[in-house]
Amino acid sequence: MTMKDFSKIYLLAFLIFADVAAFAGPGDDTGGGDLGGGDPPPAPINTYLILMIGLGLLLAFYSIRKYKKQIN
């Protein structure tokens, strides 16, 4: 491996671990062993699920069609 490859690996590792450290802040300890505050309400994941499936299928058909045109 060259020095350029090592620098890319170190940069990637730094970006990954810096992101984890930025979001892993301490919580509010209540003294009883758990963190203060309740759980946040659950996020709905089915709001745009049908739309995302449709867009995914369109992207797949577009990619396959583009690939077939490239071969011919």
N, C-alpha and C. Protein backbone atom coordinates (compact mmCIF):
# COMPACT_ATOMS: atom_id res chain seq x y z
N MET A 1 0.83 -1.18 0.00
CA MET A 1 0.00 0.00 0.00
C MET A 1 0.87 1.24 0.00
N THR A 2 0.41 2.19 -0.71
CA THR A 2 1.17 3.43 -0.78
C THR A 2 0.71 4.39 0.32
N MET A 3 1.45 5.46 0.46
CA MET A 3 1.11 6.47 1.47
C MET A 3 -0.23 7.12 1.16
N LYS A 4 -0.57 7.21 -0.11
CA LYS A 4 -1.85 7.79 -0.50
C LYS A 4 -3.00 6.93 -0.01
N ASP A 5 -2.85 5.60 -0.11
CA ASP A 5 -3.89 4.69 0.38
C ASP A 5 -4.05 4.80 1.90
N PHE A 6 -2.92 4.89 2.61
CA PHE A 6 -2.99 5.03 4.06
C PHE A 6 -3.67 6.32 4.47
N SER A 7 -3.38 7.39 3.75
CA SER A 7 -4.00 8.67 4.11
C SER A 7 -5.51 8.63 3.88
N LYS A 8 -5.96 7.92 2.84
CA LYS A 8 -7.39 7.78 2.60
C LYS A 8 -8.05 6.98 3.72
N ILE A 9 -7.39 5.92 4.15
CA ILE A 9 -7.93 5.09 5.22
C ILE A 9 -8.00 5.88 6.52
N TYR A 10 -6.95 6.62 6.84
CA TYR A 10 -6.94 7.43 8.06
C TYR A 10 -8.01 8.53 8.01
N LEU A 11 -8.18 9.14 6.87
CA LEU A 11 -9.20 10.18 6.72
C LEU A 11 -10.59 9.59 6.92
N LEU A 12 -10.85 8.43 6.32
CA LEU A 12 -12.14 7.77 6.47
C LEU A 12 -12.39 7.40 7.93
N ALA A 13 -11.39 6.83 8.59
CA ALA A 13 -11.53 6.46 10.00
C ALA A 13 -11.78 7.70 10.86
N PHE A 14 -11.09 8.78 10.58
CA PHE A 14 -11.29 10.01 11.34
C PHE A 14 -12.71 10.53 11.18
N LEU A 15 -13.22 10.55 9.94
CA LEU A 15 -14.56 11.05 9.70
C LEU A 15 -15.62 10.18 10.37
N ILE A 16 -15.42 8.88 10.36
CA ILE A 16 -16.39 7.99 11.00
C ILE A 16 -16.38 8.19 12.51
N PHE A 17 -15.19 8.21 13.12
CA PHE A 17 -15.12 8.32 14.58
C PHE A 17 -15.44 9.73 15.06
N ALA A 18 -15.18 10.74 14.27
CA ALA A 18 -15.55 12.10 14.65
C ALA A 18 -17.06 12.24 14.66
N ASP A 19 -17.73 11.59 13.74
CA ASP A 19 -19.19 11.63 13.70
C ASP A 19 -19.78 10.94 14.93
N VAL A 20 -19.23 9.81 15.29
CA VAL A 20 -19.73 9.09 16.47
C VAL A 20 -19.51 9.92 17.72
N ALA A 21 -18.36 10.54 17.84
CA ALA A 21 -18.06 11.33 19.03
C ALA A 21 -18.93 12.58 19.10
N ALA A 22 -19.32 13.11 17.97
CA ALA A 22 -20.14 14.32 17.97
C ALA A 22 -21.55 14.04 18.46
N PHE A 23 -22.08 12.86 18.21
CA PHE A 23 -23.45 12.54 18.61
C PHE A 23 -23.54 11.75 19.91
N ALA A 24 -22.44 11.29 20.45
CA ALA A 24 -22.47 10.47 21.66
C ALA A 24 -22.23 11.34 22.88
N GLY A 25 -23.13 12.27 23.14
CA GLY A 25 -23.00 13.14 24.30
C GLY A 25 -23.56 12.48 25.54
N PRO A 26 -23.17 12.97 26.72
CA PRO A 26 -23.68 12.39 27.96
C PRO A 26 -25.15 12.75 28.18
N GLY A 27 -25.86 11.88 28.88
CA GLY A 27 -27.27 12.12 29.17
C GLY A 27 -27.42 12.75 30.54
N ASP A 28 -28.64 13.00 30.92
CA ASP A 28 -28.95 13.54 32.24
C ASP A 28 -29.21 12.38 33.19
N ASP A 29 -28.33 12.20 34.15
CA ASP A 29 -28.48 11.10 35.10
C ASP A 29 -29.42 11.52 36.22
N THR A 30 -30.38 10.68 36.51
CA THR A 30 -31.35 10.99 37.56
C THR A 30 -30.94 10.46 38.92
N GLY A 31 -29.84 9.74 38.99
CA GLY A 31 -29.40 9.17 40.24
C GLY A 31 -29.92 7.77 40.46
N GLY A 32 -30.93 7.37 39.76
CA GLY A 32 -31.50 6.03 39.89
C GLY A 32 -30.92 5.04 38.90
N GLY A 33 -29.99 5.48 38.09
CA GLY A 33 -29.36 4.58 37.12
C GLY A 33 -29.87 4.73 35.70
N ASP A 34 -31.01 5.39 35.53
CA ASP A 34 -31.49 5.59 34.16
C ASP A 34 -31.35 7.06 33.78
N LEU A 35 -31.52 7.32 32.54
CA LEU A 35 -31.39 8.69 32.06
C LEU A 35 -32.71 9.42 32.25
N GLY A 36 -32.63 10.71 32.45
CA GLY A 36 -33.84 11.51 32.68
C GLY A 36 -34.66 11.66 31.42
N GLY A 37 -35.93 11.89 31.60
CA GLY A 37 -36.82 12.09 30.46
C GLY A 37 -37.40 10.79 29.96
N GLY A 38 -38.50 10.91 29.24
CA GLY A 38 -39.15 9.72 28.69
C GLY A 38 -38.65 9.43 27.29
N ASP A 39 -39.17 8.38 26.74
CA ASP A 39 -38.82 8.03 25.37
C ASP A 39 -39.54 8.97 24.41
N PRO A 40 -38.87 9.35 23.32
CA PRO A 40 -39.54 10.18 22.32
C PRO A 40 -40.60 9.37 21.60
N PRO A 41 -41.59 10.03 21.01
CA PRO A 41 -42.62 9.28 20.28
C PRO A 41 -42.01 8.60 19.05
N PRO A 42 -42.53 7.43 18.68
CA PRO A 42 -41.96 6.73 17.53
C PRO A 42 -42.20 7.49 16.23
N ALA A 43 -41.24 7.40 15.35
CA ALA A 43 -41.35 8.07 14.05
C ALA A 43 -42.11 7.16 13.08
N PRO A 44 -43.08 7.69 12.36
CA PRO A 44 -43.80 6.86 11.39
C PRO A 44 -42.93 6.60 10.16
N ILE A 45 -42.82 5.34 9.78
CA ILE A 45 -42.00 5.02 8.62
C ILE A 45 -42.84 4.70 7.39
N ASN A 46 -44.15 4.60 7.55
CA ASN A 46 -44.98 4.19 6.42
C ASN A 46 -45.61 5.36 5.69
N THR A 47 -45.22 6.58 6.01
CA THR A 47 -45.85 7.74 5.38
C THR A 47 -45.61 7.76 3.87
N TYR A 48 -44.39 7.62 3.46
CA TYR A 48 -44.04 7.67 2.04
C TYR A 48 -43.48 6.34 1.54
N LEU A 49 -43.85 5.24 2.17
CA LEU A 49 -43.30 3.94 1.82
C LEU A 49 -43.67 3.54 0.39
N ILE A 50 -44.92 3.71 -0.01
CA ILE A 50 -45.35 3.35 -1.36
C ILE A 50 -44.63 4.20 -2.39
N LEU A 51 -44.47 5.49 -2.10
CA LEU A 51 -43.77 6.38 -3.01
C LEU A 51 -42.31 5.95 -3.17
N MET A 52 -41.65 5.60 -2.08
CA MET A 52 -40.25 5.17 -2.15
C MET A 52 -40.09 3.87 -2.92
N ILE A 53 -41.01 2.95 -2.74
CA ILE A 53 -40.96 1.69 -3.50
C ILE A 53 -41.12 1.98 -4.99
N GLY A 54 -42.06 2.85 -5.35
CA GLY A 54 -42.26 3.22 -6.75
C GLY A 54 -41.03 3.88 -7.35
N LEU A 55 -40.43 4.81 -6.61
CA LEU A 55 -39.22 5.46 -7.11
C LEU A 55 -38.07 4.48 -7.25
N GLY A 56 -37.97 3.54 -6.34
CA GLY A 56 -36.93 2.52 -6.43
C GLY A 56 -37.10 1.65 -7.66
N LEU A 57 -38.35 1.27 -7.95
CA LEU A 57 -38.61 0.47 -9.15
C LEU A 57 -38.31 1.26 -10.42
N LEU A 58 -38.69 2.53 -10.44
CA LEU A 58 -38.38 3.36 -11.61
C LEU A 58 -36.88 3.48 -11.82
N LEU A 59 -36.14 3.67 -10.74
CA LEU A 59 -34.68 3.75 -10.84
C LEU A 59 -34.09 2.44 -11.34
N ALA A 60 -34.63 1.31 -10.88
CA ALA A 60 -34.13 0.01 -11.33
C ALA A 60 -34.39 -0.18 -12.82
N PHE A 61 -35.61 0.12 -13.29
CA PHE A 61 -35.92 -0.01 -14.72
C PHE A 61 -35.05 0.92 -15.56
N TYR A 62 -34.85 2.14 -15.09
CA TYR A 62 -34.00 3.09 -15.81
C TYR A 62 -32.56 2.57 -15.91
N SER A 63 -32.05 2.04 -14.81
CA SER A 63 -30.67 1.55 -14.81
C SER A 63 -30.51 0.34 -15.73
N ILE A 64 -31.47 -0.57 -15.69
CA ILE A 64 -31.41 -1.75 -16.55
C ILE A 64 -31.50 -1.35 -18.01
N ARG A 65 -32.40 -0.44 -18.33
CA ARG A 65 -32.56 0.02 -19.71
C ARG A 65 -31.29 0.71 -20.22
N LYS A 66 -30.69 1.54 -19.36
CA LYS A 66 -29.46 2.23 -19.73
C LYS A 66 -28.32 1.23 -19.96
N TYR A 67 -28.26 0.20 -19.12
CA TYR A 67 -27.23 -0.83 -19.26
C TYR A 67 -27.41 -1.61 -20.55
N LYS A 68 -28.67 -1.96 -20.88
CA LYS A 68 -28.93 -2.70 -22.12
C LYS A 68 -28.58 -1.88 -23.36
N LYS A 69 -28.84 -0.57 -23.31
CA LYS A 69 -28.49 0.29 -24.45
C LYS A 69 -26.98 0.39 -24.59
N GLN A 70 -26.28 0.34 -23.47
CA GLN A 70 -24.83 0.45 -23.49
C GLN A 70 -24.20 -0.81 -24.12
N ILE A 71 -24.82 -1.97 -23.88
CA ILE A 71 -24.30 -3.24 -24.43
C ILE A 71 -24.50 -3.29 -25.92
N ASN A 72 -25.66 -2.89 -26.42
CA ASN A 72 -25.98 -2.97 -27.85
C ASN A 72 -25.33 -1.91 -28.62
